[in-house]
């Protein structure tokens, strides 16, 4: 007697399961990247000050699979949740500068009552 077991995995991540914005859990300044994923632009912020822009991208690839997204720039982001303020600036040595105005526009959709701006380095 042979028994065949078929296991269907629900592990594949659909595009809709990936949030447009992930700013992590902490306030303060850390690196961020803009990523093109299918027809969407995603914003991802590092969890710690010492993370590299590439570390942020590798973490996202771990969620969606390798080769499905493309980093299109990076910089730094200072999040102050107490005062509802986010400043974006700088560039990524790995991916070049992000379009900070595009980043601000994306963030304002999720945080409409926050002050979000491009600041000088």
PDB file of N, CA and C in Angstrom:
ATOM      1  N   UNK A   1       0.858  -1.182   0.000  1.00  0.00           N
ATOM      2  CA  UNK A   1       0.000   0.000   0.000  1.00  0.00           C
ATOM      3  C   UNK A   1       0.893   1.230   0.000  1.00  0.00           C
ATOM      4  N   UNK A   2       0.597   2.139  -0.896  1.00  0.00           N
ATOM      5  CA  UNK A   2       1.311   3.411  -0.934  1.00  0.00           C
ATOM      6  C   UNK A   2       0.334   4.518  -0.586  1.00  0.00           C
ATOM      7  N   UNK A   3       0.802   5.425   0.212  1.00  0.00           N
ATOM      8  CA  UNK A   3      -0.011   6.581   0.577  1.00  0.00           C
ATOM      9  C   UNK A   3       0.672   7.816   0.027  1.00  0.00           C
ATOM     10  N   UNK A   4      -0.046   8.602  -0.728  1.00  0.00           N
ATOM     11  CA  UNK A   4       0.474   9.854  -1.273  1.00  0.00           C
ATOM     12  C   UNK A   4      -0.155  11.003  -0.510  1.00  0.00           C
ATOM     13  N   UNK A   5       0.676  11.838  -0.019  1.00  0.00           N
ATOM     14  CA  UNK A   5       0.193  13.004   0.722  1.00  0.00           C
ATOM     15  C   UNK A   5       0.523  14.244  -0.080  1.00  0.00           C
ATOM     16  N   UNK A   6      -0.469  15.045  -0.294  1.00  0.00           N
ATOM     17  CA  UNK A   6      -0.283  16.311  -1.011  1.00  0.00           C
ATOM     18  C   UNK A   6      -0.496  17.446  -0.027  1.00  0.00           C
ATOM     19  N   UNK A   7       0.500  18.294   0.054  1.00  0.00           N
ATOM     20  CA  UNK A   7       0.405  19.430   0.969  1.00  0.00           C
ATOM     21  C   UNK A   7       0.406  20.703   0.150  1.00  0.00           C
ATOM     22  N   UNK A   8      -0.628  21.476   0.329  1.00  0.00           N
ATOM     23  CA  UNK A   8      -0.687  22.773  -0.342  1.00  0.00           C
ATOM     24  C   UNK A   8      -0.231  23.832   0.644  1.00  0.00           C
ATOM     25  N   UNK A   9       0.649  24.652   0.175  1.00  0.00           N
ATOM     26  CA  UNK A   9       1.194  25.695   1.040  1.00  0.00           C
ATOM     27  C   UNK A   9       0.507  27.018   0.779  1.00  0.00           C
ATOM     28  N   UNK A  10       0.170  27.688   1.831  1.00  0.00           N
ATOM     29  CA  UNK A  10      -0.360  29.049   1.736  1.00  0.00           C
ATOM     30  C   UNK A  10       0.737  30.059   2.029  1.00  0.00           C
ATOM     31  N   UNK A  11       1.982  29.655   1.835  1.00  0.00           N
ATOM     32  CA  UNK A  11       3.109  30.505   2.177  1.00  0.00           C
ATOM     33  C   UNK A  11       3.377  31.605   1.157  1.00  0.00           C
ATOM     34  N   UNK A  12       2.825  31.461  -0.051  1.00  0.00           N
ATOM     35  CA  UNK A  12       3.091  32.509  -1.033  1.00  0.00           C
ATOM     36  C   UNK A  12       2.433  33.805  -0.586  1.00  0.00           C
ATOM     37  N   UNK A  13       3.138  34.869  -0.784  1.00  0.00           N
ATOM     38  CA  UNK A  13       2.674  36.174  -0.353  1.00  0.00           C
ATOM     39  C   UNK A  13       2.100  36.914  -1.545  1.00  0.00           C
ATOM     40  N   UNK A  14       0.847  37.315  -1.424  1.00  0.00           N
ATOM     41  CA  UNK A  14       0.266  38.084  -2.518  1.00  0.00           C
ATOM     42  C   UNK A  14       0.702  39.536  -2.392  1.00  0.00           C
ATOM     43  N   UNK A  15       0.606  40.233  -3.506  1.00  0.00           N
ATOM     44  CA  UNK A  15       1.005  41.641  -3.527  1.00  0.00           C
ATOM     45  C   UNK A  15       0.227  42.445  -2.495  1.00  0.00           C
ATOM     46  N   UNK A  16      -1.033  42.102  -2.292  1.00  0.00           N
ATOM     47  CA  UNK A  16      -1.870  42.854  -1.357  1.00  0.00           C
ATOM     48  C   UNK A  16      -1.496  42.617   0.102  1.00  0.00           C
ATOM     49  N   UNK A  17      -0.748  41.532   0.377  1.00  0.00           N
ATOM     50  CA  UNK A  17      -0.319  41.247   1.746  1.00  0.00           C
ATOM     51  C   UNK A  17       0.877  42.094   2.166  1.00  0.00           C
ATOM     52  N   UNK A  18       1.527  42.736   1.215  1.00  0.00           N
ATOM     53  CA  UNK A  18       2.715  43.536   1.495  1.00  0.00           C
ATOM     54  C   UNK A  18       2.297  44.989   1.683  1.00  0.00           C
ATOM     55  N   UNK A  19       2.452  45.531   2.896  1.00  0.00           N
ATOM     56  CA  UNK A  19       2.051  46.928   3.117  1.00  0.00           C
ATOM     57  C   UNK A  19       2.920  47.899   2.324  1.00  0.00           C
ATOM     58  N   UNK A  20       2.300  48.988   1.901  1.00  0.00           N
ATOM     59  CA  UNK A  20       3.025  50.007   1.143  1.00  0.00           C
ATOM     60  C   UNK A  20       4.116  50.657   1.995  1.00  0.00           C
ATOM     61  N   UNK A  21       3.833  50.783   3.296  1.00  0.00           N
ATOM     62  CA  UNK A  21       4.743  51.479   4.209  1.00  0.00           C
ATOM     63  C   UNK A  21       5.039  50.598   5.416  1.00  0.00           C
ATOM     64  N   UNK A  22       6.315  50.496   5.771  1.00  0.00           N
ATOM     65  CA  UNK A  22       6.722  49.835   7.008  1.00  0.00           C
ATOM     66  C   UNK A  22       7.829  50.672   7.633  1.00  0.00           C
ATOM     67  N   UNK A  23       7.457  51.407   8.682  1.00  0.00           N
ATOM     68  CA  UNK A  23       8.423  52.277   9.353  1.00  0.00           C
ATOM     69  C   UNK A  23       9.021  51.626  10.593  1.00  0.00           C
ATOM     70  N   UNK A  24       8.764  50.346  10.790  1.00  0.00           N
ATOM     71  CA  UNK A  24       9.332  49.672  11.942  1.00  0.00           C
ATOM     72  C   UNK A  24       8.659  50.119  13.225  1.00  0.00           C
ATOM     73  N   UNK A  25       9.365  49.959  14.321  1.00  0.00           N
ATOM     74  CA  UNK A  25       8.759  50.207  15.622  1.00  0.00           C
ATOM     75  C   UNK A  25       9.339  51.382  16.388  1.00  0.00           C
ATOM     76  N   UNK A  26      10.444  51.910  15.942  1.00  0.00           N
ATOM     77  CA  UNK A  26      11.099  52.917  16.765  1.00  0.00           C
ATOM     78  C   UNK A  26      11.159  54.298  16.165  1.00  0.00           C
ATOM     79  N   UNK A  27      11.191  55.272  17.040  1.00  0.00           N
ATOM     80  CA  UNK A  27      11.414  56.655  16.646  1.00  0.00           C
ATOM     81  C   UNK A  27      12.913  56.881  16.445  1.00  0.00           C
ATOM     82  N   UNK A  28      13.228  58.067  15.971  1.00  0.00           N
ATOM     83  CA  UNK A  28      14.621  58.431  15.765  1.00  0.00           C
ATOM     84  C   UNK A  28      15.004  58.306  14.307  1.00  0.00           C
ATOM     85  N   UNK A  29      16.292  58.547  14.057  1.00  0.00           N
ATOM     86  CA  UNK A  29      16.783  58.531  12.681  1.00  0.00           C
ATOM     87  C   UNK A  29      17.349  57.170  12.311  1.00  0.00           C
ATOM     88  N   UNK A  30      16.971  56.701  11.142  1.00  0.00           N
ATOM     89  CA  UNK A  30      17.565  55.493  10.581  1.00  0.00           C
ATOM     90  C   UNK A  30      17.415  55.521   9.070  1.00  0.00           C
ATOM     91  N   UNK A  31      18.035  54.578   8.426  1.00  0.00           N
ATOM     92  CA  UNK A  31      18.025  54.523   6.970  1.00  0.00           C
ATOM     93  C   UNK A  31      16.661  54.046   6.462  1.00  0.00           C
ATOM     94  N   UNK A  32      16.352  54.424   5.203  1.00  0.00           N
ATOM     95  CA  UNK A  32      15.149  53.916   4.555  1.00  0.00           C
ATOM     96  C   UNK A  32      15.424  53.720   3.069  1.00  0.00           C
ATOM     97  N   UNK A  33      14.560  52.922   2.431  1.00  0.00           N
ATOM     98  CA  UNK A  33      14.659  52.715   0.989  1.00  0.00           C
ATOM     99  C   UNK A  33      13.282  52.827   0.341  1.00  0.00           C
ATOM    100  N   UNK A  34      13.293  53.206  -0.928  1.00  0.00           N
ATOM    101  CA  UNK A  34      12.125  53.096  -1.797  1.00  0.00           C
ATOM    102  C   UNK A  34      12.348  51.871  -2.665  1.00  0.00           C
ATOM    103  N   UNK A  35      11.296  51.085  -2.844  1.00  0.00           N
ATOM    104  CA  UNK A  35      11.399  49.840  -3.592  1.00  0.00           C
ATOM    105  C   UNK A  35      10.249  49.745  -4.586  1.00  0.00           C
ATOM    106  N   UNK A  36      10.570  49.406  -5.829  1.00  0.00           N
ATOM    107  CA  UNK A  36       9.536  49.145  -6.827  1.00  0.00           C
ATOM    108  C   UNK A  36       9.159  47.674  -6.729  1.00  0.00           C
ATOM    109  N   UNK A  37       7.877  47.419  -6.482  1.00  0.00           N
ATOM    110  CA  UNK A  37       7.362  46.058  -6.353  1.00  0.00           C
ATOM    111  C   UNK A  37       6.117  45.956  -7.219  1.00  0.00           C
ATOM    112  N   UNK A  38       6.228  45.278  -8.345  1.00  0.00           N
ATOM    113  CA  UNK A  38       5.169  45.243  -9.351  1.00  0.00           C
ATOM    114  C   UNK A  38       4.829  46.667  -9.754  1.00  0.00           C
ATOM    115  N   UNK A  39       3.592  47.074  -9.583  1.00  0.00           N
ATOM    116  CA  UNK A  39       3.202  48.435  -9.972  1.00  0.00           C
ATOM    117  C   UNK A  39       3.130  49.374  -8.776  1.00  0.00           C
ATOM    118  N   UNK A  40       3.748  48.995  -7.668  1.00  0.00           N
ATOM    119  CA  UNK A  40       3.686  49.794  -6.445  1.00  0.00           C
ATOM    120  C   UNK A  40       5.082  50.268  -6.052  1.00  0.00           C
ATOM    121  N   UNK A  41       5.118  51.357  -5.294  1.00  0.00           N
ATOM    122  CA  UNK A  41       6.358  51.833  -4.686  1.00  0.00           C
ATOM    123  C   UNK A  41       6.198  51.664  -3.177  1.00  0.00           C
ATOM    124  N   UNK A  42       7.129  50.963  -2.560  1.00  0.00           N
ATOM    125  CA  UNK A  42       7.084  50.686  -1.130  1.00  0.00           C
ATOM    126  C   UNK A  42       8.128  51.514  -0.402  1.00  0.00           C
ATOM    127  N   UNK A  43       7.809  51.892   0.835  1.00  0.00           N
ATOM    128  CA  UNK A  43       8.741  52.601   1.711  1.00  0.00           C
ATOM    129  C   UNK A  43       9.079  51.667   2.869  1.00  0.00           C
ATOM    130  N   UNK A  44      10.368  51.438   3.092  1.00  0.00           N
ATOM    131  CA  UNK A  44      10.826  50.591   4.188  1.00  0.00           C
ATOM    132  C   UNK A  44      11.902  51.309   4.983  1.00  0.00           C
ATOM    133  N   UNK A  45      11.725  51.329   6.324  1.00  0.00           N
ATOM    134  CA  UNK A  45      12.682  51.968   7.227  1.00  0.00           C
ATOM    135  C   UNK A  45      13.395  50.889   8.029  1.00  0.00           C
ATOM    136  N   UNK A  46      14.674  51.103   8.290  1.00  0.00           N
ATOM    137  CA  UNK A  46      15.459  50.159   9.086  1.00  0.00           C
ATOM    138  C   UNK A  46      14.948  50.125  10.516  1.00  0.00           C
ATOM    139  N   UNK A  47      15.160  49.002  11.164  1.00  0.00           N
ATOM    140  CA  UNK A  47      14.799  48.869  12.574  1.00  0.00           C
ATOM    141  C   UNK A  47      15.841  49.508  13.484  1.00  0.00           C
ATOM    142  N   UNK A  48      17.073  49.589  13.047  1.00  0.00           N
ATOM    143  CA  UNK A  48      18.126  50.141  13.886  1.00  0.00           C
ATOM    144  C   UNK A  48      18.983  51.131  13.129  1.00  0.00           C
ATOM    145  N   UNK A  49      19.728  51.931  13.863  1.00  0.00           N
ATOM    146  CA  UNK A  49      20.568  52.956  13.242  1.00  0.00           C
ATOM    147  C   UNK A  49      21.726  52.360  12.447  1.00  0.00           C
ATOM    148  N   UNK A  50      22.157  51.163  12.789  1.00  0.00           N
ATOM    149  CA  UNK A  50      23.339  50.595  12.157  1.00  0.00           C
ATOM    150  C   UNK A  50      23.035  49.736  10.932  1.00  0.00           C
ATOM    151  N   UNK A  51      21.772  49.543  10.601  1.00  0.00           N
ATOM    152  CA  UNK A  51      21.429  48.744   9.431  1.00  0.00           C
ATOM    153  C   UNK A  51      21.867  49.445   8.155  1.00  0.00           C
ATOM    154  N   UNK A  52      22.295  48.658   7.197  1.00  0.00           N
ATOM    155  CA  UNK A  52      22.616  49.183   5.874  1.00  0.00           C
ATOM    156  C   UNK A  52      21.350  49.181   5.024  1.00  0.00           C
ATOM    157  N   UNK A  53      21.332  50.022   3.990  1.00  0.00           N
ATOM    158  CA  UNK A  53      20.185  50.045   3.085  1.00  0.00           C
ATOM    159  C   UNK A  53      19.952  48.654   2.492  1.00  0.00           C
ATOM    160  N   UNK A  54      21.033  47.941   2.184  1.00  0.00           N
ATOM    161  CA  UNK A  54      20.913  46.602   1.622  1.00  0.00           C
ATOM    162  C   UNK A  54      20.273  45.622   2.605  1.00  0.00           C
ATOM    163  N   UNK A  55      20.504  45.813   3.912  1.00  0.00           N
ATOM    164  CA  UNK A  55      19.877  44.955   4.923  1.00  0.00           C
ATOM    165  C   UNK A  55      18.358  45.113   4.900  1.00  0.00           C
ATOM    166  N   UNK A  56      17.898  46.341   4.712  1.00  0.00           N
ATOM    167  CA  UNK A  56      16.457  46.601   4.645  1.00  0.00           C
ATOM    168  C   UNK A  56      15.870  45.862   3.444  1.00  0.00           C
ATOM    169  N   UNK A  57      16.560  45.959   2.305  1.00  0.00           N
ATOM    170  CA  UNK A  57      16.077  45.312   1.087  1.00  0.00           C
ATOM    171  C   UNK A  57      16.069  43.788   1.231  1.00  0.00           C
ATOM    172  N   UNK A  58      17.117  43.227   1.815  1.00  0.00           N
ATOM    173  CA  UNK A  58      17.186  41.770   2.000  1.00  0.00           C
ATOM    174  C   UNK A  58      16.052  41.278   2.903  1.00  0.00           C
ATOM    175  N   UNK A  59      15.703  42.056   3.911  1.00  0.00           N
ATOM    176  CA  UNK A  59      14.591  41.688   4.791  1.00  0.00           C
ATOM    177  C   UNK A  59      13.286  41.650   3.991  1.00  0.00           C
ATOM    178  N   UNK A  60      13.073  42.646   3.132  1.00  0.00           N
ATOM    179  CA  UNK A  60      11.869  42.664   2.295  1.00  0.00           C
ATOM    180  C   UNK A  60      11.870  41.480   1.331  1.00  0.00           C
ATOM    181  N   UNK A  61      13.017  41.197   0.719  1.00  0.00           N
ATOM    182  CA  UNK A  61      13.101  40.046  -0.190  1.00  0.00           C
ATOM    183  C   UNK A  61      12.776  38.743   0.532  1.00  0.00           C
ATOM    184  N   UNK A  62      13.119  38.654   1.796  1.00  0.00           N
ATOM    185  CA  UNK A  62      12.767  37.478   2.581  1.00  0.00           C
ATOM    186  C   UNK A  62      11.267  37.306   2.719  1.00  0.00           C
ATOM    187  N   UNK A  63      10.532  38.399   2.644  1.00  0.00           N
ATOM    188  CA  UNK A  63       9.072  38.350   2.748  1.00  0.00           C
ATOM    189  C   UNK A  63       8.401  38.065   1.408  1.00  0.00           C
ATOM    190  N   UNK A  64       8.955  38.588   0.325  1.00  0.00           N
ATOM    191  CA  UNK A  64       8.275  38.493  -0.971  1.00  0.00           C
ATOM    192  C   UNK A  64       8.965  37.563  -1.959  1.00  0.00           C
ATOM    193  N   UNK A  65      10.202  37.198  -1.688  1.00  0.00           N
ATOM    194  CA  UNK A  65      10.965  36.356  -2.599  1.00  0.00           C
ATOM    195  C   UNK A  65      11.998  37.166  -3.361  1.00  0.00           C
ATOM    196  N   UNK A  66      13.089  36.525  -3.644  1.00  0.00           N
ATOM    197  CA  UNK A  66      14.199  37.183  -4.326  1.00  0.00           C
ATOM    198  C   UNK A  66      13.843  37.486  -5.779  1.00  0.00           C
ATOM    199  N   UNK A  67      14.280  38.632  -6.258  1.00  0.00           N
ATOM    200  CA  UNK A  67      14.084  39.005  -7.650  1.00  0.00           C
ATOM    201  C   UNK A  67      12.731  39.583  -7.992  1.00  0.00           C
ATOM    202  N   UNK A  68      11.879  39.810  -7.000  1.00  0.00           N
ATOM    203  CA  UNK A  68      10.536  40.323  -7.269  1.00  0.00           C
ATOM    204  C   UNK A  68      10.412  41.823  -7.055  1.00  0.00           C
ATOM    205  N   UNK A  69      11.436  42.434  -6.517  1.00  0.00           N
ATOM    206  CA  UNK A  69      11.392  43.866  -6.227  1.00  0.00           C
ATOM    207  C   UNK A  69      12.723  44.492  -6.620  1.00  0.00           C
ATOM    208  N   UNK A  70      12.697  45.808  -6.780  1.00  0.00           N
ATOM    209  CA  UNK A  70      13.908  46.524  -7.181  1.00  0.00           C
ATOM    210  C   UNK A  70      14.074  47.778  -6.327  1.00  0.00           C
ATOM    211  N   UNK A  71      15.194  47.915  -5.614  1.00  0.00           N
ATOM    212  CA  UNK A  71      15.427  49.146  -4.859  1.00  0.00           C
ATOM    213  C   UNK A  71      15.675  50.299  -5.826  1.00  0.00           C
ATOM    214  N   UNK A  72      15.018  51.433  -5.584  1.00  0.00           N
ATOM    215  CA  UNK A  72      15.162  52.571  -6.497  1.00  0.00           C
ATOM    216  C   UNK A  72      15.751  53.797  -5.812  1.00  0.00           C
ATOM    217  N   UNK A  73      16.237  53.634  -4.597  1.00  0.00           N
ATOM    218  CA  UNK A  73      16.895  54.732  -3.905  1.00  0.00           C
ATOM    219  C   UNK A  73      16.740  54.603  -2.409  1.00  0.00           C
ATOM    220  N   UNK A  74      17.486  55.423  -1.696  1.00  0.00           N
ATOM    221  CA  UNK A  74      17.424  55.380  -0.245  1.00  0.00           C
ATOM    222  C   UNK A  74      17.846  56.699   0.356  1.00  0.00           C
ATOM    223  N   UNK A  75      17.798  56.751   1.652  1.00  0.00           N
ATOM    224  CA  UNK A  75      18.183  57.940   2.387  1.00  0.00           C
ATOM    225  C   UNK A  75      18.051  57.665   3.866  1.00  0.00           C
ATOM    226  N   UNK A  76      17.767  58.717   4.602  1.00  0.00           N
ATOM    227  CA  UNK A  76      17.541  58.604   6.041  1.00  0.00           C
ATOM    228  C   UNK A  76      16.194  59.218   6.373  1.00  0.00           C
ATOM    229  N   UNK A  77      15.624  58.724   7.449  1.00  0.00           N
ATOM    230  CA  UNK A  77      14.317  59.186   7.888  1.00  0.00           C
ATOM    231  C   UNK A  77      14.364  59.382   9.396  1.00  0.00           C
ATOM    232  N   UNK A  78      13.875  60.521   9.861  1.00  0.00           N
ATOM    233  CA  UNK A  78      13.787  60.800  11.285  1.00  0.00           C
ATOM    234  C   UNK A  78      12.313  60.832  11.655  1.00  0.00           C
ATOM    235  N   UNK A  79      11.891  59.869  12.478  1.00  0.00           N
ATOM    236  CA  UNK A  79      10.494  59.753  12.882  1.00  0.00           C
ATOM    237  C   UNK A  79      10.353  60.213  14.326  1.00  0.00           C
ATOM    238  N   UNK A  80       9.427  61.137  14.549  1.00  0.00           N
ATOM    239  CA  UNK A  80       9.114  61.658  15.885  1.00  0.00           C
ATOM    240  C   UNK A  80       7.612  61.494  16.088  1.00  0.00           C
ATOM    241  N   UNK A  81       7.208  60.326  16.619  1.00  0.00           N
ATOM    242  CA  UNK A  81       5.776  60.038  16.747  1.00  0.00           C
ATOM    243  C   UNK A  81       5.092  60.921  17.786  1.00  0.00           C
ATOM    244  N   UNK A  82       5.822  61.354  18.802  1.00  0.00           N
ATOM    245  CA  UNK A  82       5.234  62.217  19.827  1.00  0.00           C
ATOM    246  C   UNK A  82       4.746  63.527  19.213  1.00  0.00           C
ATOM    247  N   UNK A  83       5.553  64.107  18.335  1.00  0.00           N
ATOM    248  CA  UNK A  83       5.192  65.370  17.687  1.00  0.00           C
ATOM    249  C   UNK A  83       4.606  65.181  16.291  1.00  0.00           C
ATOM    250  N   UNK A  84       4.374  63.924  15.910  1.00  0.00           N
ATOM    251  CA  UNK A  84       3.803  63.589  14.605  1.00  0.00           C
ATOM    252  C   UNK A  84       4.569  64.273  13.472  1.00  0.00           C
ATOM    253  N   UNK A  85       5.870  63.964  13.410  1.00  0.00           N
ATOM    254  CA  UNK A  85       6.734  64.599  12.426  1.00  0.00           C
ATOM    255  C   UNK A  85       7.689  63.571  11.824  1.00  0.00           C
ATOM    256  N   UNK A  86       7.862  63.647  10.515  1.00  0.00           N
ATOM    257  CA  UNK A  86       8.827  62.803   9.812  1.00  0.00           C
ATOM    258  C   UNK A  86       9.628  63.687   8.864  1.00  0.00           C
ATOM    259  N   UNK A  87      10.954  63.597   8.960  1.00  0.00           N
ATOM    260  CA  UNK A  87      11.863  64.289   8.038  1.00  0.00           C
ATOM    261  C   UNK A  87      12.600  63.234   7.231  1.00  0.00           C
ATOM    262  N   UNK A  88      12.705  63.448   5.908  1.00  0.00           N
ATOM    263  CA  UNK A  88      13.473  62.546   5.054  1.00  0.00           C
ATOM    264  C   UNK A  88      14.591  63.324   4.377  1.00  0.00           C
ATOM    265  N   UNK A  89      15.741  62.674   4.201  1.00  0.00           N
ATOM    266  CA  UNK A  89      16.897  63.341   3.606  1.00  0.00           C
ATOM    267  C   UNK A  89      17.957  62.309   3.266  1.00  0.00           C
ATOM    268  N   UNK A  90      19.040  62.759   2.672  1.00  0.00           N
ATOM    269  CA  UNK A  90      20.217  61.926   2.450  1.00  0.00           C
ATOM    270  C   UNK A  90      20.110  61.014   1.241  1.00  0.00           C
ATOM    271  N   UNK A  91      21.044  60.050   1.198  1.00  0.00           N
ATOM    272  CA  UNK A  91      21.096  59.120   0.075  1.00  0.00           C
ATOM    273  C   UNK A  91      21.660  57.784   0.542  1.00  0.00           C
ATOM    274  N   UNK A  92      21.482  56.793  -0.284  1.00  0.00           N
ATOM    275  CA  UNK A  92      22.041  55.471  -0.045  1.00  0.00           C
ATOM    276  C   UNK A  92      23.316  55.318  -0.859  1.00  0.00           C
ATOM    277  N   UNK A  93      24.385  54.850  -0.229  1.00  0.00           N
ATOM    278  CA  UNK A  93      25.612  54.564  -0.975  1.00  0.00           C
ATOM    279  C   UNK A  93      25.396  53.398  -1.942  1.00  0.00           C
ATOM    280  N   UNK A  94      24.495  52.488  -1.597  1.00  0.00           N
ATOM    281  CA  UNK A  94      24.236  51.317  -2.439  1.00  0.00           C
ATOM    282  C   UNK A  94      23.279  51.601  -3.588  1.00  0.00           C
ATOM    283  N   UNK A  95      22.224  52.373  -3.320  1.00  0.00           N
ATOM    284  CA  UNK A  95      21.137  52.541  -4.288  1.00  0.00           C
ATOM    285  C   UNK A  95      20.977  53.967  -4.801  1.00  0.00           C
ATOM    286  N   UNK A  96      21.781  54.890  -4.316  1.00  0.00           N
ATOM    287  CA  UNK A  96      21.639  56.283  -4.717  1.00  0.00           C
ATOM    288  C   UNK A  96      20.536  56.972  -3.925  1.00  0.00           C
ATOM    289  N   UNK A  97      20.284  58.245  -4.233  1.00  0.00           N
ATOM    290  CA  UNK A  97      19.266  58.974  -3.479  1.00  0.00           C
ATOM    291  C   UNK A  97      17.858  58.546  -3.887  1.00  0.00           C
ATOM    292  N   UNK A  98      16.987  58.444  -2.897  1.00  0.00           N
ATOM    293  CA  UNK A  98      15.568  58.218  -3.171  1.00  0.00           C
ATOM    294  C   UNK A  98      14.956  59.535  -3.628  1.00  0.00           C
ATOM    295  N   UNK A  99      13.847  59.454  -4.313  1.00  0.00           N
ATOM    296  CA  UNK A  99      13.062  60.648  -4.623  1.00  0.00           C
ATOM    297  C   UNK A  99      12.316  61.002  -3.340  1.00  0.00           C
ATOM    298  N   UNK A 100      12.886  61.898  -2.549  1.00  0.00           N
ATOM    299  CA  UNK A 100      12.317  62.212  -1.238  1.00  0.00           C
ATOM    300  C   UNK A 100      10.925  62.822  -1.352  1.00  0.00           C
ATOM    301  N   UNK A 101      10.659  63.574  -2.411  1.00  0.00           N
ATOM    302  CA  UNK A 101       9.314  64.124  -2.595  1.00  0.00           C
ATOM    303  C   UNK A 101       8.300  63.007  -2.808  1.00  0.00           C
ATOM    304  N   UNK A 102       8.688  61.965  -3.522  1.00  0.00           N
ATOM    305  CA  UNK A 102       7.812  60.811  -3.706  1.00  0.00           C
ATOM    306  C   UNK A 102       7.605  60.101  -2.369  1.00  0.00           C
ATOM    307  N   UNK A 103       8.666  59.972  -1.588  1.00  0.00           N
ATOM    308  CA  UNK A 103       8.557  59.364  -0.265  1.00  0.00           C
ATOM    309  C   UNK A 103       7.574  60.133   0.599  1.00  0.00           C
ATOM    310  N   UNK A 104       7.699  61.458   0.621  1.00  0.00           N
ATOM    311  CA  UNK A 104       6.789  62.304   1.406  1.00  0.00           C
ATOM    312  C   UNK A 104       5.351  62.088   0.951  1.00  0.00           C
ATOM    313  N   UNK A 105       5.126  62.052  -0.341  1.00  0.00           N
ATOM    314  CA  UNK A 105       3.784  61.860  -0.890  1.00  0.00           C
ATOM    315  C   UNK A 105       3.182  60.524  -0.446  1.00  0.00           C
ATOM    316  N   UNK A 106       3.978  59.464  -0.480  1.00  0.00           N
ATOM    317  CA  UNK A 106       3.504  58.143  -0.050  1.00  0.00           C
ATOM    318  C   UNK A 106       3.194  58.150   1.444  1.00  0.00           C
ATOM    319  N   UNK A 107       4.085  58.733   2.249  1.00  0.00           N
ATOM    320  CA  UNK A 107       3.881  58.761   3.701  1.00  0.00           C
ATOM    321  C   UNK A 107       2.647  59.566   4.093  1.00  0.00           C
ATOM    322  N   UNK A 108       2.372  60.648   3.372  1.00  0.00           N
ATOM    323  CA  UNK A 108       1.219  61.500   3.706  1.00  0.00           C
ATOM    324  C   UNK A 108      -0.106  60.773   3.519  1.00  0.00           C
ATOM    325  N   UNK A 109      -0.129  59.740   2.677  1.00  0.00           N
ATOM    326  CA  UNK A 109      -1.353  58.947   2.513  1.00  0.00           C
ATOM    327  C   UNK A 109      -1.683  58.195   3.795  1.00  0.00           C
ATOM    328  N   UNK A 110      -0.668  57.678   4.468  1.00  0.00           N
ATOM    329  CA  UNK A 110      -0.890  56.906   5.696  1.00  0.00           C
ATOM    330  C   UNK A 110      -0.932  57.794   6.936  1.00  0.00           C
ATOM    331  N   UNK A 111      -0.219  58.912   6.892  1.00  0.00           N
ATOM    332  CA  UNK A 111      -0.119  59.811   8.045  1.00  0.00           C
ATOM    333  C   UNK A 111      -0.570  61.218   7.646  1.00  0.00           C
ATOM    334  N   UNK A 112      -1.852  61.400   7.312  1.00  0.00           N
ATOM    335  CA  UNK A 112      -2.302  62.695   6.783  1.00  0.00           C
ATOM    336  C   UNK A 112      -2.233  63.847   7.786  1.00  0.00           C
ATOM    337  N   UNK A 113      -2.270  63.551   9.075  1.00  0.00           N
ATOM    338  CA  UNK A 113      -2.243  64.621  10.078  1.00  0.00           C
ATOM    339  C   UNK A 113      -0.839  64.853  10.648  1.00  0.00           C
ATOM    340  N   UNK A 114       0.181  64.264  10.031  1.00  0.00           N
ATOM    341  CA  UNK A 114       1.564  64.454  10.456  1.00  0.00           C
ATOM    342  C   UNK A 114       2.229  65.515   9.593  1.00  0.00           C
ATOM    343  N   UNK A 115       3.275  66.147  10.126  1.00  0.00           N
ATOM    344  CA  UNK A 115       4.136  67.030   9.341  1.00  0.00           C
ATOM    345  C   UNK A 115       5.237  66.156   8.752  1.00  0.00           C
ATOM    346  N   UNK A 116       5.232  66.039   7.431  1.00  0.00           N
ATOM    347  CA  UNK A 116       6.201  65.191   6.736  1.00  0.00           C
ATOM    348  C   UNK A 116       6.880  66.041   5.682  1.00  0.00           C
ATOM    349  N   UNK A 117       8.214  66.092   5.746  1.00  0.00           N
ATOM    350  CA  UNK A 117       8.925  66.999   4.847  1.00  0.00           C
ATOM    351  C   UNK A 117      10.310  66.479   4.498  1.00  0.00           C
ATOM    352  N   UNK A 118      10.834  67.023   3.400  1.00  0.00           N
ATOM    353  CA  UNK A 118      12.224  66.784   3.027  1.00  0.00           C
ATOM    354  C   UNK A 118      13.055  67.810   3.778  1.00  0.00           C
ATOM    355  N   UNK A 119      14.080  67.346   4.483  1.00  0.00           N
ATOM    356  CA  UNK A 119      14.941  68.268   5.226  1.00  0.00           C
ATOM    357  C   UNK A 119      16.336  68.263   4.620  1.00  0.00           C
ATOM    358  N   UNK A 120      17.101  69.261   4.953  1.00  0.00           N
ATOM    359  CA  UNK A 120      18.489  69.360   4.485  1.00  0.00           C
ATOM    360  C   UNK A 120      19.360  68.416   5.293  1.00  0.00           C
ATOM    361  N   UNK A 121      20.402  67.888   4.660  1.00  0.00           N
ATOM    362  CA  UNK A 121      21.345  67.005   5.366  1.00  0.00           C
ATOM    363  C   UNK A 121      22.112  67.760   6.414  1.00  0.00           C
TER     364      UNK A 121
END
